[in-house]
């Protein structure tokens, strides 16, 4: 390879970088934009369902906590009763 061929190859590479990369970036943006917008719309549509699920979960957890609190209270009463039975007199 002589200097002229190397010079031509470097010039071609620089032109490819200057014109090719921005052209590819613009094309990619135009191709990806509708996909991203569709994903955003899907998330907006499914977003209202999430609070309803959270409300149902919170209600279920509140009911579980209430049930467990009643169970703990009952067990405390049973324990107190058993201690009174086994207490030496």
Protein backbone atom coordinates (compact mmCIF):
# COMPACT_ATOMS: atom_id res chain seq x y z
CA UNK A 1 0.00 0.00 0.00
CA UNK A 2 1.36 3.36 -0.88
CA UNK A 3 0.67 6.66 0.78
CA UNK A 4 -2.14 7.54 -1.65
CA UNK A 5 -4.12 4.40 -0.82
CA UNK A 6 -3.69 4.93 2.93
CA UNK A 7 -4.77 8.55 2.52
CA UNK A 8 -7.88 7.45 0.58
CA UNK A 9 -8.74 4.81 3.20
CA UNK A 10 -8.38 7.31 6.07
CA UNK A 11 -10.46 9.87 4.18
CA UNK A 12 -13.18 7.29 3.54
CA UNK A 13 -13.17 6.33 7.23
CA UNK A 14 -13.45 9.96 8.32
CA UNK A 15 -16.30 10.60 5.88
CA UNK A 16 -18.06 7.50 7.15
CA UNK A 17 -17.74 8.77 10.72
CA UNK A 18 -18.85 12.31 9.84
CA UNK A 19 -21.84 11.35 7.72
CA UNK A 20 -22.58 7.71 8.49
CA UNK A 21 -22.84 7.76 12.27
CA UNK A 22 -25.30 10.70 12.44
CA UNK A 23 -27.37 9.18 9.63
CA UNK A 24 -27.54 5.86 11.47
CA UNK A 25 -28.43 7.66 14.73
CA UNK A 26 -31.27 9.60 13.10
CA UNK A 27 -32.61 6.45 11.44
CA UNK A 28 -32.46 4.55 14.71
CA UNK A 29 -34.28 7.36 16.53
CA UNK A 30 -37.02 7.41 13.91
CA UNK A 31 -37.38 3.63 14.12
CA UNK A 32 -37.31 3.38 17.92
CA UNK A 33 -39.54 6.36 18.73
CA UNK A 34 -42.90 4.65 17.90
CA UNK A 35 -41.88 1.60 19.93
CA UNK A 36 -41.02 3.72 22.96
CA UNK A 37 -44.27 5.67 22.67
CA UNK A 38 -46.24 2.41 22.52
CA UNK A 39 -44.49 1.13 25.64
CA UNK A 40 -45.27 4.39 27.45
CA UNK A 41 -48.95 4.14 26.46
CA UNK A 42 -49.10 0.55 27.72
CA UNK A 43 -47.62 1.60 31.04
CA UNK A 44 -50.14 4.46 31.33
CA UNK A 45 -53.02 2.09 30.62
CA UNK A 46 -51.87 -0.49 33.15
CA UNK A 47 -50.96 2.10 35.81
CA UNK A 48 -54.54 2.59 37.20
CA UNK A 49 -54.82 -1.14 37.87
CA UNK A 50 -51.79 -1.06 40.15
CA UNK A 51 -53.38 1.10 42.92
CA UNK A 52 -56.44 -1.15 42.91
CA UNK A 53 -54.21 -4.16 43.44
CA UNK A 54 -52.35 -2.32 46.17
CA UNK A 55 -55.63 -1.39 47.89
CA UNK A 56 -56.74 -5.01 47.82
CA UNK A 57 -53.39 -6.13 49.20
CA UNK A 58 -53.51 -3.50 51.96
CA UNK A 59 -57.03 -4.58 52.93
CA UNK A 60 -55.97 -8.23 52.99
CA UNK A 61 -52.93 -7.39 55.10
CA UNK A 62 -55.04 -5.32 57.50
CA UNK A 63 -57.44 -8.22 57.90
CA UNK A 64 -54.49 -10.57 58.53
CA UNK A 65 -53.02 -8.21 61.13
CA UNK A 66 -56.40 -7.94 62.85
CA UNK A 67 -56.79 -11.72 62.89
CA UNK A 68 -53.28 -12.20 64.25
CA UNK A 69 -53.83 -9.54 66.93
CA UNK A 70 -56.97 -11.32 68.08
CA UNK A 71 -55.09 -14.62 68.11
CA UNK A 72 -52.27 -13.13 70.19
CA UNK A 73 -54.79 -11.67 72.63
CA UNK A 74 -56.52 -15.05 72.94
CA UNK A 75 -53.19 -16.81 73.50
CA UNK A 76 -52.28 -14.27 76.19
CA UNK A 77 -55.58 -14.95 77.93
CA UNK A 78 -54.99 -18.72 77.75
CA UNK A 79 -51.45 -18.28 79.08
CA UNK A 80 -52.70 -16.11 81.97
CA UNK A 81 -55.37 -18.71 82.78
CA UNK A 82 -52.81 -21.56 82.70
CA UNK A 83 -50.47 -19.62 85.00
CA UNK A 84 -53.29 -19.10 87.48
CA UNK A 85 -54.05 -22.82 87.40
CA UNK A 86 -50.45 -23.88 88.00
CA UNK A 87 -49.66 -21.16 90.53
CA UNK A 88 -48.81 -22.71 93.89
CA UNK A 89 -51.11 -21.71 96.70
